[in-house]
Each structure stands twice: as structure tokens, then as C-alpha cells.
Amino acid sequence: MTRRRPESPHLHDDARDSRPPPTTAPARDSTHQLPFILEDSASTESLTINLVITCENRRKEIANLSS
């Protein structure tokens, strides 16, 4: 007599799954938002420009140190 291997949980189809359906997470208020999430596109554009300028300045500094 051969022993059957137990079925893996991921092989069950949805109709046979006895788990309750997942619940949605409660909505978070704005105080829980991560600091890098910006709703204002002008602020995002300004930060992007500043970041590009900063990176370019660092690149120039490194090039000056290398020469």
C-alpha cells in the first residue's frame, strides 16, 4: 500500500479553500503617509530639479578631485 502525500495548500482551488476572504486594511489618515509621498506636482518637480543639480555638483566635485 502506498501512502499519499498531503496536498500542498497552494494546490487547492478557491472553492475548496475554507479560509475566510481577506479583509481590507483600514484607511490611514494623512499623518501616516510616508514623507516622500507628495501630492503636489510642483513640489515633486522642484525636488527633482534640486536632486539633479546636487548630483551634478557632486559629479563635478569628484571629477575635480580625480584630476
C-alpha atoms as a PDB file:
ATOM      1  CA  MET A   1       0.000   0.000   0.000  1.00  0.00           C
ATOM      2  CA  THR A   2       1.414   3.372  -0.996  1.00  0.00           C
ATOM      3  CA  ARG A   3       0.995   6.455   1.132  1.00  0.00           C
ATOM      4  CA  ARG A   4      -0.358   9.563  -0.499  1.00  0.00           C
ATOM      5  CA  ARG A   5       1.489  12.791   0.060  1.00  0.00           C
ATOM      6  CA  PRO A   6      -0.620  15.531   1.631  1.00  0.00           C
ATOM      7  CA  GLU A   7      -1.719  18.139  -0.843  1.00  0.00           C
ATOM      8  CA  SER A   8       0.031  21.480  -0.724  1.00  0.00           C
ATOM      9  CA  PRO A   9      -2.238  24.353   0.335  1.00  0.00           C
ATOM     10  CA  HIS A  10      -1.468  26.297  -2.845  1.00  0.00           C
ATOM     11  CA  LEU A  11      -2.874  23.475  -4.985  1.00  0.00           C
ATOM     12  CA  HIS A  12      -6.399  23.838  -3.597  1.00  0.00           C
ATOM     13  CA  ASP A  13      -8.808  25.681  -5.788  1.00  0.00           C
ATOM     14  CA  ASP A  14     -10.761  28.597  -4.342  1.00  0.00           C
ATOM     15  CA  ALA A  15     -13.988  26.605  -3.959  1.00  0.00           C
ATOM     16  CA  ARG A  16     -12.312  24.191  -1.542  1.00  0.00           C
ATOM     17  CA  ASP A  17     -10.477  26.856   0.446  1.00  0.00           C
ATOM     18  CA  SER A  18     -12.022  27.101   3.902  1.00  0.00           C
ATOM     19  CA  ARG A  19     -10.195  30.285   4.893  1.00  0.00           C
ATOM     20  CA  PRO A  20     -12.270  33.458   5.195  1.00  0.00           C
ATOM     21  CA  PRO A  21     -11.792  36.040   2.451  1.00  0.00           C
ATOM     22  CA  PRO A  22      -9.073  38.633   3.139  1.00  0.00           C
ATOM     23  CA  THR A  23     -10.223  41.846   4.721  1.00  0.00           C
ATOM     24  CA  THR A  24      -9.182  45.248   3.506  1.00  0.00           C
ATOM     25  CA  ALA A  25      -6.832  47.271   5.665  1.00  0.00           C
ATOM     26  CA  PRO A  26      -8.356  50.256   7.450  1.00  0.00           C
ATOM     27  CA  ALA A  27      -7.839  53.571   5.712  1.00  0.00           C
ATOM     28  CA  ARG A  28      -4.956  55.615   7.025  1.00  0.00           C
ATOM     29  CA  ASP A  29      -5.191  59.312   7.649  1.00  0.00           C
ATOM     30  CA  SER A  30      -2.611  61.685   6.147  1.00  0.00           C
ATOM     31  CA  THR A  31      -0.443  61.627   9.300  1.00  0.00           C
ATOM     32  CA  HIS A  32       0.576  58.039   8.465  1.00  0.00           C
ATOM     33  CA  GLN A  33       1.791  58.814   4.947  1.00  0.00           C
ATOM     34  CA  LEU A  34       5.444  58.309   4.205  1.00  0.00           C
ATOM     35  CA  PRO A  35       7.390  61.565   3.939  1.00  0.00           C
ATOM     36  CA  PHE A  36       8.410  61.029   0.302  1.00  0.00           C
ATOM     37  CA  ILE A  37       4.828  60.788  -0.948  1.00  0.00           C
ATOM     38  CA  LEU A  38       3.972  64.191  -2.364  1.00  0.00           C
ATOM     39  CA  GLU A  39       0.587  65.202  -3.635  1.00  0.00           C
ATOM     40  CA  ASP A  40       1.749  68.498  -5.116  1.00  0.00           C
ATOM     41  CA  SER A  41       3.379  68.041  -8.525  1.00  0.00           C
ATOM     42  CA  ALA A  42       5.140  71.415  -8.271  1.00  0.00           C
ATOM     43  CA  SER A  43       6.896  70.248  -5.095  1.00  0.00           C
ATOM     44  CA  THR A  44       7.852  66.991  -6.788  1.00  0.00           C
ATOM     45  CA  GLU A  45       9.265  68.849  -9.782  1.00  0.00           C
ATOM     46  CA  SER A  46      11.201  71.216  -7.526  1.00  0.00           C
ATOM     47  CA  LEU A  47      12.696  68.337  -5.532  1.00  0.00           C
ATOM     48  CA  THR A  48      13.631  66.516  -8.735  1.00  0.00           C
ATOM     49  CA  ILE A  49      15.417  69.597 -10.085  1.00  0.00           C
ATOM     50  CA  ASN A  50      17.257  70.062  -6.792  1.00  0.00           C
ATOM     51  CA  LEU A  51      18.301  66.426  -6.776  1.00  0.00           C
ATOM     52  CA  VAL A  52      19.641  66.631 -10.337  1.00  0.00           C
ATOM     53  CA  ILE A  53      21.591  69.797  -9.504  1.00  0.00           C
ATOM     54  CA  THR A  54      23.003  68.225  -6.344  1.00  0.00           C
ATOM     55  CA  CYS A  55      24.076  65.082  -8.215  1.00  0.00           C
ATOM     56  CA  GLU A  56      25.674  67.157 -10.968  1.00  0.00           C
ATOM     57  CA  ASN A  57      27.576  69.238  -8.398  1.00  0.00           C
ATOM     58  CA  ARG A  58      28.813  66.066  -6.663  1.00  0.00           C
ATOM     59  CA  ARG A  59      29.915  64.639 -10.005  1.00  0.00           C
ATOM     60  CA  LYS A  60      31.902  67.827 -10.726  1.00  0.00           C
ATOM     61  CA  GLU A  61      33.491  67.715  -7.248  1.00  0.00           C
ATOM     62  CA  ILE A  62      34.566  64.097  -7.783  1.00  0.00           C
ATOM     63  CA  ALA A  63      35.950  64.931 -11.227  1.00  0.00           C
ATOM     64  CA  ASN A  64      37.965  67.802  -9.730  1.00  0.00           C
ATOM     65  CA  LEU A  65      39.364  65.535  -7.002  1.00  0.00           C
ATOM     66  CA  SER A  66      40.318  62.885  -9.562  1.00  0.00           C
ATOM     67  CA  SER A  67      42.299  65.264 -11.773  1.00  0.00           C
END
